[in-house]
N, C-alpha and C. Protein backbone atom coordinates (compact mmCIF):
# COMPACT_ATOMS: atom_id res chain seq x y z
N MET A 1 1.93 -12.52 -13.96
CA MET A 1 1.13 -13.54 -13.28
C MET A 1 0.37 -14.52 -14.33
N SER A 2 0.47 -15.86 -14.28
CA SER A 2 -0.28 -16.85 -15.18
C SER A 2 -1.56 -17.05 -14.82
N ASP A 3 -1.89 -16.66 -13.53
CA ASP A 3 -3.20 -17.21 -12.98
C ASP A 3 -4.30 -16.54 -14.05
N ASN A 4 -5.48 -17.36 -14.20
CA ASN A 4 -6.57 -17.14 -14.97
C ASN A 4 -7.92 -17.36 -14.16
N VAL A 5 -8.94 -16.70 -14.30
CA VAL A 5 -10.20 -16.74 -13.40
C VAL A 5 -11.10 -16.56 -14.65
N LYS A 6 -12.06 -17.73 -14.71
CA LYS A 6 -12.92 -17.59 -15.83
C LYS A 6 -12.69 -16.79 -17.14
N GLY A 7 -11.45 -16.97 -17.54
CA GLY A 7 -10.91 -16.25 -18.83
C GLY A 7 -10.49 -14.57 -18.44
N TYR A 8 -10.48 -14.35 -17.31
CA TYR A 8 -9.87 -13.18 -16.69
C TYR A 8 -8.49 -13.28 -16.52
N GLU A 9 -7.52 -12.37 -17.04
CA GLU A 9 -6.21 -12.74 -16.40
C GLU A 9 -5.93 -11.79 -15.42
N ILE A 10 -5.25 -12.39 -14.18
CA ILE A 10 -5.25 -11.34 -13.16
C ILE A 10 -3.90 -10.41 -13.16
N LYS A 11 -4.19 -9.34 -12.90
CA LYS A 11 -3.28 -8.17 -13.16
C LYS A 11 -2.76 -7.58 -11.72
N ARG A 12 -3.34 -8.02 -10.68
CA ARG A 12 -2.97 -7.32 -9.47
C ARG A 12 -3.58 -8.42 -8.49
N ALA A 13 -2.75 -8.84 -7.28
CA ALA A 13 -3.13 -9.79 -6.38
C ALA A 13 -2.61 -9.24 -4.98
N ILE A 14 -2.89 -9.80 -3.86
CA ILE A 14 -2.49 -9.63 -2.50
C ILE A 14 -3.11 -10.74 -1.74
N VAL A 15 -1.83 -11.29 -1.11
CA VAL A 15 -2.22 -12.44 -0.29
C VAL A 15 -1.86 -12.03 1.30
N PHE A 16 -2.59 -12.16 2.10
CA PHE A 16 -2.43 -11.81 3.60
C PHE A 16 -2.09 -13.04 4.42
N GLU A 17 -1.54 -12.94 5.66
CA GLU A 17 -0.92 -14.04 6.22
C GLU A 17 -1.90 -14.99 6.75
N ASN A 18 -3.19 -14.68 6.36
CA ASN A 18 -4.11 -16.03 7.01
C ASN A 18 -4.52 -16.54 5.55
N ASP A 19 -3.72 -16.65 4.67
CA ASP A 19 -4.02 -16.99 3.09
C ASP A 19 -5.33 -16.70 2.57
N ARG A 20 -5.70 -15.51 2.82
CA ARG A 20 -7.06 -15.08 2.29
C ARG A 20 -6.34 -13.69 1.13
N GLY A 21 -6.83 -13.41 0.06
CA GLY A 21 -6.53 -12.36 -0.48
C GLY A 21 -7.37 -11.71 -1.51
N PHE A 22 -7.25 -10.89 -2.21
CA PHE A 22 -7.98 -10.14 -3.12
C PHE A 22 -7.08 -9.94 -4.67
N ALA A 23 -8.02 -10.14 -5.76
CA ALA A 23 -7.13 -10.13 -7.29
C ALA A 23 -8.19 -9.10 -7.74
N LEU A 24 -7.58 -8.60 -8.91
CA LEU A 24 -7.93 -7.81 -10.10
C LEU A 24 -7.49 -8.25 -11.28
N GLY A 25 -8.70 -8.78 -12.18
CA GLY A 25 -8.40 -9.22 -13.37
C GLY A 25 -8.90 -8.59 -14.65
N GLU A 26 -8.80 -8.97 -15.74
CA GLU A 26 -9.12 -8.38 -16.99
C GLU A 26 -9.35 -9.24 -18.23
N ASN A 27 -10.42 -9.21 -18.97
CA ASN A 27 -10.65 -9.90 -19.94
C ASN A 27 -11.38 -9.02 -20.94
N PRO A 28 -10.64 -8.78 -21.90
CA PRO A 28 -11.12 -7.79 -22.82
C PRO A 28 -12.37 -8.13 -23.65
N GLN A 29 -12.64 -9.61 -23.89
CA GLN A 29 -13.85 -9.99 -24.67
C GLN A 29 -14.87 -10.13 -23.76
N ALA A 30 -14.70 -10.23 -22.21
CA ALA A 30 -15.97 -10.20 -21.47
C ALA A 30 -16.94 -8.86 -21.86
N VAL A 31 -18.31 -8.90 -21.56
CA VAL A 31 -19.25 -8.01 -21.44
C VAL A 31 -18.68 -6.94 -20.35
N GLN A 32 -18.29 -7.48 -19.21
CA GLN A 32 -17.74 -6.62 -18.02
C GLN A 32 -16.60 -6.86 -18.08
N PRO A 33 -15.83 -6.46 -18.78
CA PRO A 33 -13.90 -6.77 -18.91
C PRO A 33 -13.27 -6.51 -17.68
N PHE A 34 -13.66 -6.15 -16.33
CA PHE A 34 -12.67 -5.90 -15.22
C PHE A 34 -13.60 -6.49 -14.27
N ALA A 35 -12.73 -7.22 -13.12
CA ALA A 35 -13.39 -7.80 -12.22
C ALA A 35 -12.32 -8.06 -11.05
N THR A 36 -13.08 -7.87 -9.73
CA THR A 36 -12.29 -8.23 -8.53
C THR A 36 -12.86 -9.34 -7.84
N TRP A 37 -12.03 -10.03 -6.92
CA TRP A 37 -12.36 -11.11 -6.55
C TRP A 37 -11.57 -11.27 -5.14
N GLN A 38 -12.38 -11.82 -4.18
CA GLN A 38 -11.57 -12.21 -2.91
C GLN A 38 -11.21 -14.18 -3.03
N PHE A 39 -10.37 -14.41 -2.50
CA PHE A 39 -9.75 -15.60 -2.57
C PHE A 39 -9.18 -16.39 -1.51
N THR A 40 -9.36 -17.60 -1.37
CA THR A 40 -8.46 -18.58 -0.32
C THR A 40 -7.51 -19.23 -1.02
N GLU A 41 -5.99 -19.23 -0.42
CA GLU A 41 -5.08 -19.92 -0.87
C GLU A 41 -4.70 -21.11 -0.01
N ASP A 42 -4.63 -22.36 -0.78
CA ASP A 42 -4.08 -23.42 0.23
C ASP A 42 -2.67 -23.53 0.26
N ALA A 43 -2.20 -24.64 1.01
CA ALA A 43 -0.74 -24.97 1.06
C ALA A 43 0.14 -25.02 -0.23
N SER A 44 -0.65 -25.50 -1.12
CA SER A 44 0.24 -25.88 -2.54
C SER A 44 0.31 -24.50 -3.29
N GLY A 45 -0.60 -23.39 -2.84
CA GLY A 45 -0.49 -22.11 -3.59
C GLY A 45 -1.82 -21.76 -4.51
N ARG A 46 -2.38 -22.89 -4.71
CA ARG A 46 -3.91 -23.04 -5.52
C ARG A 46 -4.82 -22.12 -4.93
N ARG A 47 -5.34 -21.26 -5.67
CA ARG A 47 -6.45 -20.09 -4.85
C ARG A 47 -7.81 -20.46 -5.51
N ASP A 48 -8.67 -20.44 -4.44
CA ASP A 48 -10.04 -20.60 -4.51
C ASP A 48 -10.68 -19.24 -4.88
N TYR A 49 -11.14 -18.62 -6.00
CA TYR A 49 -11.83 -17.41 -6.09
C TYR A 49 -13.42 -17.32 -5.60
N TYR A 50 -13.78 -16.40 -5.08
CA TYR A 50 -15.12 -15.94 -4.89
C TYR A 50 -15.16 -14.45 -4.65
N TRP A 51 -16.61 -14.35 -4.28
CA TRP A 51 -17.02 -12.76 -4.32
C TRP A 51 -16.60 -12.08 -5.47
N GLY A 52 -17.07 -12.40 -6.54
CA GLY A 52 -16.61 -11.44 -7.89
C GLY A 52 -17.66 -10.11 -7.84
N HIS A 53 -16.71 -9.10 -8.24
CA HIS A 53 -17.39 -7.74 -8.38
C HIS A 53 -16.99 -7.61 -9.85
N TYR A 54 -18.00 -7.40 -10.71
CA TYR A 54 -17.69 -7.08 -12.17
C TYR A 54 -17.96 -5.68 -12.61
N THR A 55 -17.18 -5.10 -13.66
CA THR A 55 -17.89 -3.83 -13.94
C THR A 55 -17.01 -3.75 -15.57
N THR A 56 -17.46 -2.57 -16.27
CA THR A 56 -17.07 -2.34 -17.32
C THR A 56 -15.94 -1.06 -17.34
N ASP A 57 -15.64 -0.59 -16.11
CA ASP A 57 -14.97 0.65 -16.05
C ASP A 57 -13.58 0.12 -15.07
N LYS A 58 -12.47 0.03 -15.65
CA LYS A 58 -11.27 -0.14 -15.41
C LYS A 58 -10.84 0.65 -14.01
N ALA A 59 -11.12 1.92 -14.00
CA ALA A 59 -10.74 2.87 -12.70
C ALA A 59 -11.72 2.37 -11.72
N ALA A 60 -12.93 1.98 -11.98
CA ALA A 60 -13.71 1.58 -10.88
C ALA A 60 -13.48 0.25 -10.36
N ALA A 61 -12.94 -0.59 -11.19
CA ALA A 61 -12.33 -1.89 -10.78
C ALA A 61 -11.11 -1.79 -9.83
N THR A 62 -10.18 -0.89 -10.16
CA THR A 62 -9.25 -0.52 -9.45
C THR A 62 -9.27 -0.14 -8.05
N ARG A 63 -10.19 0.75 -8.13
CA ARG A 63 -10.92 1.33 -6.79
C ARG A 63 -11.31 0.39 -5.88
N ASP A 64 -12.27 -0.52 -6.36
CA ASP A 64 -13.00 -1.54 -5.82
C ASP A 64 -11.73 -2.54 -4.93
N TYR A 65 -10.84 -3.08 -5.99
CA TYR A 65 -9.85 -3.65 -5.67
C TYR A 65 -9.13 -2.97 -4.26
N GLU A 66 -8.51 -1.85 -4.41
CA GLU A 66 -7.87 -1.21 -3.53
C GLU A 66 -8.74 -1.09 -2.08
N ASN A 67 -10.23 -0.75 -2.35
CA ASN A 67 -11.21 -0.73 -1.03
C ASN A 67 -11.02 -2.02 -0.45
N ARG A 68 -11.33 -3.05 -1.21
CA ARG A 68 -11.48 -4.26 -0.47
C ARG A 68 -10.18 -4.69 0.43
N VAL A 69 -9.06 -4.40 -0.33
CA VAL A 69 -7.97 -4.70 0.29
C VAL A 69 -7.74 -3.85 1.63
N SER A 70 -7.86 -2.67 1.58
CA SER A 70 -7.79 -1.81 2.69
C SER A 70 -8.71 -2.00 3.93
N GLU A 71 -10.19 -2.40 3.44
CA GLU A 71 -10.87 -2.70 4.45
C GLU A 71 -10.59 -3.77 5.13
N TYR A 72 -10.09 -4.66 4.47
CA TYR A 72 -9.96 -6.25 4.96
C TYR A 72 -8.77 -6.13 5.92
N GLN A 73 -7.63 -5.30 5.59
CA GLN A 73 -6.84 -4.85 6.68
C GLN A 73 -7.00 -4.21 7.58
N HIS A 74 -7.74 -3.45 7.32
CA HIS A 74 -8.27 -2.62 8.78
C HIS A 74 -9.29 -3.42 9.55
N ASP A 75 -10.22 -4.16 9.02
CA ASP A 75 -11.11 -5.07 9.81
C ASP A 75 -10.54 -5.98 10.69
N TYR A 76 -9.51 -6.71 10.01
CA TYR A 76 -8.92 -7.79 10.51
C TYR A 76 -7.37 -7.58 11.00
N ARG A 77 -6.92 -6.22 10.94
CA ARG A 77 -5.51 -6.14 11.51
C ARG A 77 -4.58 -7.07 11.17
N ILE A 78 -4.56 -7.40 9.86
CA ILE A 78 -3.51 -8.44 9.21
C ILE A 78 -2.77 -7.74 8.12
N SER A 79 -1.62 -8.31 8.05
CA SER A 79 -0.71 -7.76 6.93
C SER A 79 -0.55 -8.75 5.86
N GLU A 80 0.25 -8.25 4.83
CA GLU A 80 0.30 -9.13 3.54
C GLU A 80 1.34 -10.12 4.07
N LYS A 81 1.32 -11.22 3.43
CA LYS A 81 2.08 -12.38 3.80
C LYS A 81 3.43 -11.89 3.33
N SER A 82 4.43 -12.46 4.13
CA SER A 82 5.91 -12.35 3.98
C SER A 82 6.41 -12.02 2.54
N ALA A 83 5.75 -10.87 2.01
CA ALA A 83 6.34 -10.79 0.37
C ALA A 83 6.90 -9.31 0.20
N TYR A 84 7.63 -9.17 -0.39
CA TYR A 84 8.39 -7.73 -0.70
C TYR A 84 7.97 -7.19 -1.92
N ARG A 85 7.18 -6.08 -2.05
CA ARG A 85 6.77 -5.41 -3.27
C ARG A 85 7.62 -4.29 -3.68
N TYR A 86 8.33 -4.09 -4.73
CA TYR A 86 8.91 -2.99 -5.42
C TYR A 86 8.38 -2.87 -6.68
N TYR A 87 8.07 -1.36 -6.69
CA TYR A 87 7.38 -0.55 -7.94
C TYR A 87 8.45 -0.30 -8.95
N SER A 88 7.91 -0.04 -10.02
CA SER A 88 9.20 0.09 -11.01
C SER A 88 8.58 1.73 -11.45
N THR A 89 8.80 2.74 -10.99
CA THR A 89 8.35 4.00 -11.48
C THR A 89 8.79 4.78 -12.45
N GLN A 90 9.98 4.09 -13.19
CA GLN A 90 10.46 4.96 -14.13
C GLN A 90 10.16 4.23 -15.54
N ARG A 91 10.00 3.06 -15.48
CA ARG A 91 9.60 2.44 -16.84
C ARG A 91 8.82 1.08 -16.84
N PRO A 92 8.08 0.24 -17.56
CA PRO A 92 7.44 -0.83 -17.39
C PRO A 92 8.83 -1.95 -17.17
N VAL A 93 8.00 -2.89 -16.42
CA VAL A 93 9.13 -4.10 -15.98
C VAL A 93 9.36 -4.89 -17.32
N ASP A 94 10.62 -5.09 -17.39
CA ASP A 94 10.93 -5.91 -18.71
C ASP A 94 12.18 -6.39 -18.44
N ILE A 95 12.85 -7.25 -19.56
CA ILE A 95 14.11 -7.87 -19.39
C ILE A 95 15.34 -6.84 -18.95
N GLY A 96 16.06 -7.07 -18.09
CA GLY A 96 16.98 -6.13 -17.58
C GLY A 96 16.60 -4.93 -16.73
N THR A 97 15.34 -4.87 -16.47
CA THR A 97 14.89 -3.85 -15.59
C THR A 97 14.59 -4.20 -14.08
N PHE A 98 15.13 -5.21 -13.70
CA PHE A 98 14.98 -5.82 -12.14
C PHE A 98 16.18 -6.69 -11.96
N PRO A 99 16.53 -6.71 -10.53
CA PRO A 99 17.29 -7.80 -10.22
C PRO A 99 16.70 -9.31 -10.04
N LYS A 100 17.79 -10.18 -10.47
CA LYS A 100 17.01 -11.64 -10.41
C LYS A 100 18.05 -12.02 -9.11
N THR A 101 17.39 -12.71 -8.21
CA THR A 101 17.90 -12.95 -6.90
C THR A 101 17.45 -14.55 -6.74
N GLU A 102 17.86 -15.02 -5.68
CA GLU A 102 17.59 -16.41 -5.52
C GLU A 102 16.15 -16.25 -4.86
N ASN A 103 15.80 -15.24 -4.33
CA ASN A 103 14.40 -14.82 -3.72
C ASN A 103 13.52 -14.33 -4.88
N GLY A 104 13.61 -14.37 -5.93
CA GLY A 104 12.65 -14.11 -7.20
C GLY A 104 13.19 -13.19 -7.96
N PRO A 105 12.29 -12.54 -8.92
CA PRO A 105 10.90 -12.37 -8.29
C PRO A 105 10.13 -13.32 -8.36
N LEU A 106 9.23 -13.67 -7.30
CA LEU A 106 7.88 -14.65 -7.59
C LEU A 106 7.33 -14.31 -8.72
N TYR A 107 6.98 -13.06 -8.92
CA TYR A 107 5.99 -12.83 -10.08
C TYR A 107 6.30 -11.33 -10.21
N LEU A 108 5.72 -10.83 -11.66
CA LEU A 108 5.71 -9.55 -11.67
C LEU A 108 4.32 -9.03 -12.52
N VAL A 109 4.14 -7.65 -12.17
CA VAL A 109 2.91 -7.37 -12.66
C VAL A 109 3.12 -5.95 -13.38
N ASN A 110 2.86 -6.07 -14.66
CA ASN A 110 2.78 -4.60 -15.67
C ASN A 110 1.50 -4.10 -15.77
N PHE A 111 1.32 -2.83 -15.52
CA PHE A 111 0.21 -2.18 -15.83
C PHE A 111 0.23 -1.50 -17.17
N ASP A 112 -1.00 -1.02 -17.83
CA ASP A 112 -1.28 -0.72 -19.31
C ASP A 112 -0.46 0.52 -19.30
N LYS A 113 -0.59 1.33 -18.46
CA LYS A 113 -0.02 2.61 -18.45
C LYS A 113 0.60 3.11 -16.97
N ARG A 114 1.21 4.04 -16.82
CA ARG A 114 1.62 4.31 -15.48
C ARG A 114 0.38 4.63 -14.53
N GLU A 115 0.39 3.92 -13.32
CA GLU A 115 -1.03 4.15 -12.51
C GLU A 115 -0.46 4.52 -11.12
N SER A 116 -1.37 5.12 -10.71
CA SER A 116 -1.28 5.58 -9.34
C SER A 116 -1.34 4.47 -8.34
N VAL A 117 -0.40 4.32 -7.16
CA VAL A 117 -0.69 3.06 -6.46
C VAL A 117 -0.42 3.61 -4.88
N GLU A 118 -0.42 2.52 -3.98
CA GLU A 118 -0.36 2.86 -2.65
C GLU A 118 -1.18 3.97 -2.05
N GLN A 119 -2.42 4.12 -2.44
CA GLN A 119 -3.52 5.17 -1.91
C GLN A 119 -2.87 6.31 -2.35
N SER A 120 -2.55 6.51 -3.89
CA SER A 120 -2.08 7.65 -4.62
C SER A 120 -0.79 8.20 -4.11
N ARG A 121 -0.04 7.84 -3.75
CA ARG A 121 1.24 8.03 -3.09
C ARG A 121 2.17 8.32 -4.28
N PHE A 122 2.46 7.53 -5.26
CA PHE A 122 3.12 7.71 -6.23
C PHE A 122 2.91 6.69 -7.72
N LEU A 123 3.35 7.15 -8.52
CA LEU A 123 3.05 6.60 -9.89
C LEU A 123 3.80 5.37 -10.01
N ALA A 124 3.44 4.27 -10.78
CA ALA A 124 4.25 3.31 -10.96
C ALA A 124 3.72 2.74 -12.49
N TRP A 125 4.69 1.95 -13.20
CA TRP A 125 4.53 1.17 -14.25
C TRP A 125 4.18 -0.45 -14.19
N GLY A 126 4.49 -0.65 -13.03
CA GLY A 126 4.17 -2.08 -12.32
C GLY A 126 5.02 -2.67 -10.94
N TYR A 127 4.89 -3.89 -10.87
CA TYR A 127 5.75 -3.91 -9.66
C TYR A 127 6.16 -5.65 -9.85
N LEU A 128 6.95 -5.84 -8.70
CA LEU A 128 7.71 -7.13 -8.56
C LEU A 128 7.61 -7.59 -7.06
N VAL A 129 7.37 -8.87 -6.96
CA VAL A 129 7.15 -9.33 -5.74
C VAL A 129 8.24 -10.30 -5.35
N TYR A 130 8.98 -10.50 -4.20
CA TYR A 130 10.36 -11.02 -3.93
C TYR A 130 10.02 -11.73 -2.54
N ASP A 131 10.55 -12.71 -2.24
CA ASP A 131 10.62 -13.43 -0.81
C ASP A 131 11.49 -12.91 0.03
N ALA A 132 12.44 -12.07 -0.43
CA ALA A 132 13.15 -11.42 0.71
C ALA A 132 13.39 -10.18 0.11
N PRO A 133 13.75 -9.31 1.30
CA PRO A 133 13.91 -7.66 0.81
C PRO A 133 15.21 -7.49 -0.26
N LEU A 134 14.89 -6.58 -1.18
CA LEU A 134 16.19 -6.19 -1.94
C LEU A 134 17.36 -5.06 -1.22
N THR A 135 18.50 -5.23 -1.57
CA THR A 135 19.20 -4.11 -0.89
C THR A 135 19.12 -2.88 -1.27
N GLU A 136 19.48 -1.68 -0.73
CA GLU A 136 19.37 -0.34 -1.12
C GLU A 136 20.00 0.03 -2.56
N LYS A 137 21.21 -0.84 -2.73
CA LYS A 137 21.89 -0.80 -3.87
C LYS A 137 21.19 -1.30 -5.03
N GLN A 138 20.49 -2.66 -4.97
CA GLN A 138 19.80 -3.16 -5.72
C GLN A 138 18.61 -2.24 -6.33
N MET A 139 17.99 -1.79 -5.27
CA MET A 139 16.66 -0.84 -5.58
C MET A 139 17.03 0.40 -6.23
N ALA A 140 18.36 1.06 -6.04
CA ALA A 140 18.91 2.05 -6.71
C ALA A 140 19.31 1.54 -8.27
N ASP A 141 19.96 0.61 -8.31
CA ASP A 141 20.50 0.36 -9.31
C ASP A 141 19.41 -0.10 -10.68
N TYR A 142 18.05 -0.32 -10.20
CA TYR A 142 17.12 -0.47 -10.98
C TYR A 142 16.01 0.47 -10.83
N GLU A 143 16.01 1.57 -10.06
CA GLU A 143 15.40 2.58 -9.91
C GLU A 143 13.86 1.90 -9.44
N LEU A 144 13.92 1.13 -8.46
CA LEU A 144 12.84 0.44 -8.03
C LEU A 144 12.50 1.29 -6.48
N ARG A 145 11.11 1.39 -6.20
CA ARG A 145 10.66 1.94 -5.18
C ARG A 145 10.09 0.69 -4.24
N ALA A 146 10.38 0.74 -2.83
CA ALA A 146 9.78 -0.24 -1.82
C ALA A 146 8.40 0.03 -1.57
N ALA A 147 7.48 -0.80 -1.44
CA ALA A 147 6.39 -0.41 -1.08
C ALA A 147 6.38 -0.15 0.45
N PRO A 148 5.45 0.87 0.91
CA PRO A 148 5.76 1.22 2.46
C PRO A 148 5.34 -0.01 3.53
N GLY A 149 4.46 -0.98 2.85
CA GLY A 149 4.18 -1.88 3.86
C GLY A 149 5.00 -3.18 3.71
N ASN A 150 6.00 -2.89 3.04
CA ASN A 150 6.90 -4.09 2.97
C ASN A 150 7.30 -4.43 4.49
N PRO A 151 7.46 -6.09 5.07
CA PRO A 151 7.77 -6.08 6.55
C PRO A 151 9.04 -5.46 6.74
N ASP A 152 10.04 -5.18 5.94
CA ASP A 152 11.17 -4.42 6.48
C ASP A 152 11.08 -2.99 6.65
N ARG A 153 10.01 -2.54 6.18
CA ARG A 153 9.67 -1.04 6.08
C ARG A 153 8.76 -0.46 7.01
N LYS A 154 7.84 -1.35 7.66
CA LYS A 154 6.73 -0.98 8.64
C LYS A 154 7.77 -0.56 9.84
N ALA A 155 6.87 0.60 10.11
CA ALA A 155 7.12 1.21 11.63
C ALA A 155 6.84 0.28 12.69
N PRO A 156 7.86 0.02 13.60
CA PRO A 156 7.50 -0.82 14.87
C PRO A 156 6.50 -0.08 15.70
N LEU A 157 5.80 -1.01 16.28
CA LEU A 157 4.85 -0.19 17.27
C LEU A 157 5.68 0.26 18.55
N ARG A 158 5.03 1.33 19.00
CA ARG A 158 5.64 2.06 20.17
C ARG A 158 5.14 1.22 21.50
N GLU A 159 6.34 1.10 22.06
CA GLU A 159 6.11 0.17 23.61
C GLU A 159 5.77 1.50 24.43
N GLN A 160 4.81 0.98 25.36
CA GLN A 160 4.35 1.79 26.38
C GLN A 160 5.62 2.81 27.02
N GLY A 161 5.45 4.09 27.10
CA GLY A 161 6.29 4.88 27.77
C GLY A 161 7.60 5.20 26.71
N GLU A 162 7.45 4.92 25.26
CA GLU A 162 8.22 5.54 24.37
C GLU A 162 7.83 6.83 24.07
N SER A 163 8.50 7.38 23.10
CA SER A 163 7.86 8.95 22.88
C SER A 163 6.82 8.74 22.05
N LYS A 164 6.09 9.77 21.76
CA LYS A 164 4.67 9.66 21.27
C LYS A 164 4.89 10.21 19.89
N SER A 165 3.75 10.43 19.10
CA SER A 165 3.98 10.91 17.76
C SER A 165 4.23 12.35 17.71
N ILE A 166 4.59 12.72 16.54
CA ILE A 166 4.97 14.26 16.36
C ILE A 166 3.37 14.95 16.53
N ALA A 167 2.34 14.59 15.98
CA ALA A 167 1.21 15.07 16.11
C ALA A 167 0.60 15.26 17.50
N ALA A 168 0.92 14.06 18.32
CA ALA A 168 0.55 14.00 19.93
C ALA A 168 1.46 14.92 20.55
N ARG A 169 2.62 15.09 20.16
CA ARG A 169 3.52 16.07 21.02
C ARG A 169 3.12 17.69 20.87
N LEU A 170 2.74 17.62 19.23
CA LEU A 170 2.32 19.14 18.92
C LEU A 170 0.98 19.32 19.73
N ALA A 171 0.03 18.44 19.82
CA ALA A 171 -1.36 18.82 20.58
C ALA A 171 -0.86 18.92 22.20
N GLU A 172 0.04 18.49 22.78
CA GLU A 172 0.41 18.43 24.04
C GLU A 172 1.08 19.80 24.30
N GLY A 173 1.85 20.44 23.39
CA GLY A 173 2.29 21.55 23.51
C GLY A 173 1.46 22.48 23.32
N ALA A 174 0.72 22.33 22.43
CA ALA A 174 -0.72 23.79 22.14
C ALA A 174 -1.43 23.88 23.47
N LYS A 175 -1.58 22.55 24.24
CA LYS A 175 -2.44 22.58 25.61
C LYS A 175 -1.49 23.38 26.46
N GLN A 176 -0.27 23.10 26.63
CA GLN A 176 0.95 23.51 27.47
C GLN A 176 0.72 25.14 27.43
N VAL A 177 0.73 25.43 26.11
CA VAL A 177 0.92 27.04 25.88
C VAL A 177 -0.46 27.60 26.33
N GLU A 178 -1.54 26.82 26.09
CA GLU A 178 -2.83 27.67 26.67
C GLU A 178 -2.81 27.81 28.31
N ARG A 179 -2.40 26.65 28.68
CA ARG A 179 -2.38 26.61 30.42
C ARG A 179 -1.42 28.02 30.82
N GLU A 180 -0.38 28.17 30.11
CA GLU A 180 0.69 28.94 30.60
C GLU A 180 0.21 30.49 30.27
N ASN A 181 -0.65 30.70 29.16
CA ASN A 181 -1.08 32.01 28.64
C ASN A 181 -2.18 31.95 29.95
N ALA A 182 -2.94 31.48 30.17
CA ALA A 182 -4.22 31.62 30.98
C ALA A 182 -3.62 31.69 32.59
N ALA A 183 -2.49 31.46 32.98
CA ALA A 183 -2.08 31.66 34.42
C ALA A 183 -1.23 32.91 34.40
N ARG A 184 -1.03 33.47 33.40
CA ARG A 184 -0.31 34.81 33.29
C ARG A 184 -1.20 35.93 33.61
N PRO A 185 -0.60 36.88 34.28
CA PRO A 185 -1.52 38.03 34.51
C PRO A 185 -1.90 38.91 33.30
N ALA A 186 -3.00 39.56 33.10
CA ALA A 186 -3.39 40.30 31.82
C ALA A 186 -2.25 41.39 32.03
N PRO A 187 -1.88 41.93 30.87
CA PRO A 187 -1.00 43.15 30.98
C PRO A 187 -1.95 44.39 31.16
N GLU A 188 -1.45 45.49 31.91
CA GLU A 188 -2.13 46.54 32.40
C GLU A 188 -2.18 47.30 31.08
N LYS A 189 -3.33 47.99 30.51
CA LYS A 189 -3.78 48.71 29.58
C LYS A 189 -3.25 50.25 29.89
N SER A 190 -2.75 50.94 28.96
CA SER A 190 -2.14 52.26 29.17
C SER A 190 -3.13 52.89 28.44
N THR A 191 -3.35 54.38 29.21
CA THR A 191 -4.31 55.31 28.98
C THR A 191 -3.63 56.43 28.10
N GLU A 192 -4.32 57.22 27.45
CA GLU A 192 -3.71 58.29 26.64
C GLU A 192 -3.22 59.26 27.52
N LYS A 193 -3.66 59.34 29.04
CA LYS A 193 -3.06 60.35 29.94
C LYS A 193 -1.78 59.75 30.38
N ASP A 194 -1.41 58.36 30.32
CA ASP A 194 -0.03 57.89 30.81
C ASP A 194 0.85 58.46 29.84
N ARG A 195 0.75 58.44 28.66
CA ARG A 195 1.57 58.85 27.56
C ARG A 195 2.21 59.94 27.65
């Protein structure tokens, strides 16, 4: 990403469907070299950054970025703008390590080392963002892993009357067993004399 904010190079960013987003930046020369911001993106793609959080600890900045993103998604029930993120789990993103398509990549981000991503679900060296989904073959050829939140990966919401989640069905099954066991007559106890 070529975006800079007050001398900080943007390392990670996310934009939501309402044109709001969050960014994580780094400036090794700054007193507090790591920062996160919220931003608003206009129709031309220009971003207005505000509400910066600054720190000397990279891990703390990464946690702050992920927390701000997840809280915003939770509070506003909004998803990432139609973008498709693919993680490079085997190597840093470099020439020849990703497919070039008419839909991108729009941009790519390399981490300094392999980092935990997607709420610690797996490790990655960086990621690429495309306007349209990659094929399964493209992902396999370049050993890329699709982000679980990609528009083509999101689980559809269940309509009323559709099957319930596994956890809900297990809970119902446990209650049913309790009811059946309570309705059964207790077995008669045998005594020493009966044997």
